Amino acid sequence: MASALSFPPWVAERGAFDPDKQKWELYNIDDDFTQANDLAAQNPDKLRQMQDLWWIEASKYNVLPLDWRGSNPRFNAELMGRPSLIGKRKTMTYYPGTFGLPDAAAPPMLNKSWTITAELELSDSNTNGIIITHGGMQAGYGLYLKDSKPVFVYNYLALDWIYFNAKEALPKGKTKLIVDFLYDGGGLGKGGKISMSANGKKIAEGRLEKTVPVQFSIVEGMDIGKDVGSPVDWNYKMPFEFTGKIEKVTVDLK
C-alpha cells in the first residue's frame, strides 16, 4: 500500500497542497498492519507501480480533481462554491410564517457586511418577541423586542454573547428597525461595526471584535416572528412569539 497523507486527518485547516511534492510511503500490510516500517526507499520500483495504480483508480472512481480543503470550509456552502437557493441574490425579503428555513437556504451573512430591515407595528408599549433569528444555542444572532426595547444579540459559538440594547422603548405604532453591520474584511471571522436605528434615529451601536467564520448551525436555520429551534440566548422563553405585527423583514448583503 502506498500513501501520501502528510497531516493528521483531524486537522481542519490545511495549507496549499501539491500531490507531486508529497513524500509517498510504502507498506506491506500483510506483515506490517500497523504501518511502522516504510519500505519506499528499499523498493522504488514497487512504489512507482503503486503510485501509478493509485492515480488510475482515482480517475476511474471520480476522485479527481483532488480537493484538499479541510473540514472548516466544507461546512460552508459559499466557501465551497456549492449551489444555493439564494443564488446571486443580494436582497431577500421574508414574512411572518417563515420558520426553520434551512441554513443552506438562508442568507449567507458570514464574512461580509449586511443590513437587516424590519418593518413592524407595535401593539402597545409592552411588545415582545422574536423578529428574526438565525442559528441557536451553538451560534447565531437574534433581533427581538423585550418590553418594546430592541435587542440585537450575537452568539459567538456559545463562547460569548454580545448585546446591543436600545435604552428606550419604541412607541406604539409603525417602526422601521434597522441593524447594520460593516465588516472589517481581511479574511474569515473578522470583526466589524454594528449600529441599530429606529425610524432613522440611531438607538445603539458598538463593535463585534470577532464573528463566526464558517457556519451558525448544522441543524438550525432562520425564523421570522418566533424561535422554533434552540434559543440564541437565554434571556427569553421559547418560542418567544412576536406580540405585535411584522410586515416584513429584509436582509441586504453587501
Protein backbone atom coordinates (compact mmCIF):
# COMPACT_ATOMS: atom_id res chain seq x y z
CA MET A 1 0.00 0.00 0.00
CA ALA A 2 1.28 3.48 -0.90
CA SER A 3 0.22 6.64 0.95
CA ALA A 4 0.84 10.39 0.55
CA LEU A 5 -1.01 11.52 3.69
CA SER A 6 1.13 14.24 5.28
CA PHE A 7 -1.05 15.54 8.14
CA PRO A 8 -3.34 14.15 10.85
CA PRO A 9 -6.88 13.66 9.45
CA TRP A 10 -8.42 15.69 12.29
CA VAL A 11 -6.58 18.88 11.27
CA ALA A 12 -9.29 21.23 9.93
CA GLU A 13 -7.14 23.91 8.28
CA ARG A 14 -4.54 22.92 5.71
CA GLY A 15 -2.21 24.93 3.57
CA ALA A 16 -1.60 24.63 -0.17
CA PHE A 17 -1.20 21.02 -1.29
CA ASP A 18 0.78 19.73 -4.25
CA PRO A 19 0.47 15.92 -4.54
CA ASP A 20 3.58 15.79 -6.76
CA LYS A 21 5.69 17.18 -3.92
CA GLN A 22 4.42 14.82 -1.22
CA LYS A 23 6.50 12.07 0.33
CA TRP A 24 4.94 8.74 -0.60
CA GLU A 25 5.28 5.82 1.76
CA LEU A 26 5.10 2.11 1.06
CA TYR A 27 3.99 -0.62 3.46
CA ASN A 28 3.45 -4.35 3.26
CA ILE A 29 0.31 -4.56 5.35
CA ASP A 30 0.30 -8.39 5.28
CA ASP A 31 3.37 -8.32 7.55
CA ASP A 32 3.10 -4.77 8.96
CA PHE A 33 -0.52 -3.91 9.65
CA THR A 34 0.48 -1.01 11.91
CA GLN A 35 2.43 0.60 9.05
CA ALA A 36 5.54 1.01 11.20
CA ASN A 37 8.12 0.05 8.54
CA ASP A 38 8.26 2.31 5.48
CA LEU A 39 9.63 0.28 2.54
CA ALA A 40 9.66 3.11 -0.03
CA ALA A 41 13.41 3.68 -0.05
CA GLN A 42 14.17 -0.06 -0.45
CA ASN A 43 11.56 -0.64 -3.18
CA PRO A 44 11.44 2.39 -5.52
CA ASP A 45 10.09 0.37 -8.47
CA LYS A 46 7.23 -1.06 -6.39
CA LEU A 47 6.48 2.39 -5.04
CA ARG A 48 6.26 3.80 -8.57
CA GLN A 49 3.95 0.95 -9.58
CA MET A 50 1.64 1.61 -6.63
CA GLN A 51 1.63 5.37 -7.27
CA ASP A 52 0.63 4.84 -10.89
CA LEU A 53 -2.10 2.40 -9.81
CA TRP A 54 -3.41 4.93 -7.28
CA TRP A 55 -3.85 7.60 -9.96
CA ILE A 56 -5.55 5.13 -12.31
CA GLU A 57 -8.04 4.09 -9.64
CA ALA A 58 -8.59 7.69 -8.52
CA SER A 59 -9.52 8.65 -12.09
CA LYS A 60 -11.69 5.56 -12.54
CA TYR A 61 -13.78 6.31 -9.44
CA ASN A 62 -14.04 10.10 -9.94
CA VAL A 63 -11.76 11.07 -7.07
CA LEU A 64 -10.07 13.64 -9.28
CA PRO A 65 -9.58 16.55 -9.15
CA LEU A 66 -8.29 16.36 -5.59
CA ASP A 67 -9.91 18.79 -3.17
CA TRP A 68 -7.59 19.32 -0.25
CA ARG A 69 -9.71 21.78 1.68
CA GLY A 70 -10.27 20.86 5.32
CA SER A 71 -13.44 20.38 7.32
CA ASN A 72 -13.97 24.07 8.12
CA PRO A 73 -14.67 25.31 4.58
CA ARG A 74 -16.60 22.14 3.77
CA PHE A 75 -19.27 23.17 6.28
CA ASN A 76 -19.78 26.45 4.39
CA ALA A 77 -21.59 26.14 1.05
CA GLU A 78 -20.49 29.62 -0.03
CA LEU A 79 -16.79 28.94 0.62
CA MET A 80 -17.04 25.61 -1.20
CA GLY A 81 -18.93 27.10 -4.14
CA ARG A 82 -21.86 24.69 -3.79
CA PRO A 83 -25.20 25.64 -5.40
CA SER A 84 -27.60 27.53 -3.14
CA LEU A 85 -31.24 28.55 -3.34
CA ILE A 86 -30.02 32.09 -2.65
CA GLY A 87 -28.05 32.09 -5.88
CA LYS A 88 -26.53 35.51 -6.52
CA ARG A 89 -29.27 37.43 -4.73
CA LYS A 90 -28.14 40.33 -2.56
CA THR A 91 -31.59 41.28 -1.22
CA MET A 92 -34.05 38.84 0.35
CA THR A 93 -37.42 39.66 1.96
CA TYR A 94 -39.15 37.38 4.45
CA TYR A 95 -42.60 37.40 6.03
CA PRO A 96 -44.17 36.00 9.21
CA GLY A 97 -44.63 32.25 8.93
CA THR A 98 -41.03 31.66 7.82
CA PHE A 99 -39.83 29.08 10.35
CA GLY A 100 -36.89 26.69 10.25
CA LEU A 101 -35.55 27.92 6.91
CA PRO A 102 -32.52 25.63 6.42
CA ASP A 103 -29.12 27.18 6.85
CA ALA A 104 -28.17 26.42 3.24
CA ALA A 105 -31.26 28.35 2.02
CA ALA A 106 -30.87 31.27 4.43
CA PRO A 107 -28.92 34.46 3.66
CA PRO A 108 -25.15 33.78 3.84
CA MET A 109 -24.28 36.53 6.32
CA LEU A 110 -20.83 35.35 7.36
CA ASN A 111 -17.61 37.20 6.45
CA LYS A 112 -19.35 40.18 4.86
CA SER A 113 -21.32 43.34 5.58
CA TRP A 114 -25.11 43.17 5.82
CA THR A 115 -28.23 45.07 6.81
CA ILE A 116 -31.45 43.79 8.43
CA THR A 117 -34.52 46.00 7.95
CA ALA A 118 -37.64 45.07 9.90
CA GLU A 119 -40.95 46.86 9.28
CA LEU A 120 -43.02 46.47 12.43
CA GLU A 121 -46.21 47.62 14.09
CA LEU A 122 -46.12 47.61 17.87
CA SER A 123 -49.41 46.72 19.52
CA ASP A 124 -48.62 48.61 22.74
CA SER A 125 -45.74 49.87 24.86
CA ASN A 126 -45.02 46.34 26.06
CA THR A 127 -44.45 44.47 22.79
CA ASN A 128 -42.22 41.40 22.97
CA GLY A 129 -40.89 38.65 20.79
CA ILE A 130 -38.51 37.49 18.10
CA ILE A 131 -38.30 39.49 14.92
CA ILE A 132 -35.61 37.40 13.20
CA THR A 133 -33.15 34.79 14.40
CA HIS A 134 -30.68 32.56 12.59
CA GLY A 135 -28.93 29.71 14.37
CA GLY A 136 -29.39 28.90 18.02
CA MET A 137 -27.55 27.95 21.18
CA GLN A 138 -24.46 26.84 19.21
CA ALA A 139 -24.04 30.14 17.37
CA GLY A 140 -26.10 32.74 15.55
CA TYR A 141 -27.85 36.06 16.00
CA GLY A 142 -31.23 37.33 17.07
CA LEU A 143 -33.18 40.56 16.82
CA TYR A 144 -36.09 40.88 19.22
CA LEU A 145 -38.09 43.24 21.42
CA LYS A 146 -38.09 43.00 25.20
CA ASP A 147 -40.76 45.28 26.69
CA SER A 148 -40.71 47.20 23.38
CA LYS A 149 -36.93 47.76 23.64
CA PRO A 150 -34.96 46.42 20.65
CA VAL A 151 -32.18 43.92 21.38
CA PHE A 152 -29.67 42.51 18.92
CA VAL A 153 -27.61 39.60 20.24
CA TYR A 154 -24.70 37.84 18.54
CA ASN A 155 -23.86 34.37 19.82
CA TYR A 156 -20.21 33.67 19.11
CA LEU A 157 -20.01 29.86 19.15
CA ALA A 158 -21.56 29.70 22.64
CA LEU A 159 -18.34 31.23 23.96
CA ASP A 160 -19.51 34.82 24.09
CA TRP A 161 -22.81 36.69 23.75
CA ILE A 162 -22.55 40.29 22.56
CA TYR A 163 -25.60 42.51 23.11
CA PHE A 164 -26.67 45.77 21.52
CA ASN A 165 -29.58 47.15 23.54
CA ALA A 166 -31.72 50.21 22.95
CA LYS A 167 -32.18 52.20 26.15
CA GLU A 168 -35.64 53.48 25.29
CA ALA A 169 -38.77 51.58 24.31
CA LEU A 170 -40.23 52.01 20.85
CA PRO A 171 -43.59 53.80 20.73
CA LYS A 172 -46.84 52.11 19.80
CA GLY A 173 -47.44 52.04 16.04
CA LYS A 174 -45.29 51.55 12.96
CA THR A 175 -41.50 51.35 13.19
CA LYS A 176 -38.74 50.66 10.70
CA LEU A 177 -35.99 48.98 12.72
CA ILE A 178 -32.57 48.60 11.06
CA VAL A 179 -29.47 46.73 12.16
CA ASP A 180 -26.40 47.43 10.04
CA PHE A 181 -23.12 45.51 10.18
CA LEU A 182 -19.98 46.85 8.49
CA TYR A 183 -17.42 44.04 8.18
CA ASP A 184 -13.75 44.84 8.70
CA GLY A 185 -12.68 42.40 5.98
CA GLY A 186 -9.27 40.77 5.76
CA GLY A 187 -10.29 37.12 6.00
CA LEU A 188 -12.71 34.82 7.80
CA GLY A 189 -14.25 35.52 11.18
CA LYS A 190 -13.12 39.14 11.45
CA GLY A 191 -14.99 41.83 13.35
CA GLY A 192 -16.92 44.90 12.39
CA LYS A 193 -19.12 47.78 13.48
CA ILE A 194 -22.78 47.33 14.45
CA SER A 195 -25.36 50.10 14.51
CA MET A 196 -29.09 49.95 15.20
CA SER A 197 -31.64 52.62 14.29
CA ALA A 198 -35.39 53.08 14.54
CA ASN A 199 -37.22 55.38 12.13
CA GLY A 200 -33.92 56.98 11.15
CA LYS A 201 -32.70 57.60 14.72
CA LYS A 202 -29.64 55.72 15.97
CA ILE A 203 -30.52 53.82 19.15
CA ALA A 204 -27.46 51.57 19.71
CA GLU A 205 -24.01 50.96 18.30
CA GLY A 206 -20.78 49.13 19.03
CA ARG A 207 -18.39 46.51 17.68
CA LEU A 208 -18.15 42.81 17.17
CA GLU A 209 -14.46 42.02 17.60
CA LYS A 210 -14.87 38.59 16.02
CA THR A 211 -17.58 36.75 14.12
CA VAL A 212 -18.50 33.16 13.31
CA PRO A 213 -16.28 32.20 10.35
CA VAL A 214 -17.88 29.08 8.88
CA GLN A 215 -21.45 28.20 9.93
CA PHE A 216 -24.00 29.25 12.53
CA SER A 217 -25.52 25.81 12.96
CA ILE A 218 -25.67 22.41 11.30
CA VAL A 219 -29.29 21.71 12.22
CA GLU A 220 -30.96 25.11 12.83
CA GLY A 221 -31.97 27.72 10.31
CA MET A 222 -33.72 31.07 10.24
CA ASP A 223 -37.05 32.07 11.81
CA ILE A 224 -39.27 35.13 11.47
CA GLY A 225 -41.68 36.04 14.27
CA LYS A 226 -40.79 33.28 16.73
CA ASP A 227 -37.93 30.92 17.58
CA VAL A 228 -38.69 27.29 16.78
CA GLY A 229 -35.22 25.90 17.45
CA SER A 230 -32.96 26.39 20.43
CA PRO A 231 -32.64 29.95 21.80
CA VAL A 232 -29.81 32.10 20.51
CA ASP A 233 -29.50 33.39 24.08
CA TRP A 234 -31.15 32.59 27.42
CA ASN A 235 -32.94 35.89 28.03
CA TYR A 236 -36.27 34.75 26.58
CA LYS A 237 -38.52 31.75 26.84
CA MET A 238 -39.20 29.75 23.69
CA PRO A 239 -40.84 30.25 21.26
CA PHE A 240 -41.00 33.96 22.19
CA GLU A 241 -43.59 34.73 19.52
CA PHE A 242 -43.81 38.39 18.46
CA THR A 243 -46.84 40.05 20.08
CA GLY A 244 -47.05 42.92 17.60
CA LYS A 245 -47.20 42.74 13.82
CA ILE A 246 -44.29 42.10 11.45
CA GLU A 247 -44.94 43.46 7.97
CA LYS A 248 -41.70 42.07 6.52
CA VAL A 249 -38.00 41.59 7.23
CA THR A 250 -35.43 42.36 4.53
CA VAL A 251 -31.81 41.19 4.54
CA ASP A 252 -29.34 43.01 2.29
CA LEU A 253 -25.91 41.50 1.67
CA LYS A 254 -23.14 43.93 0.78
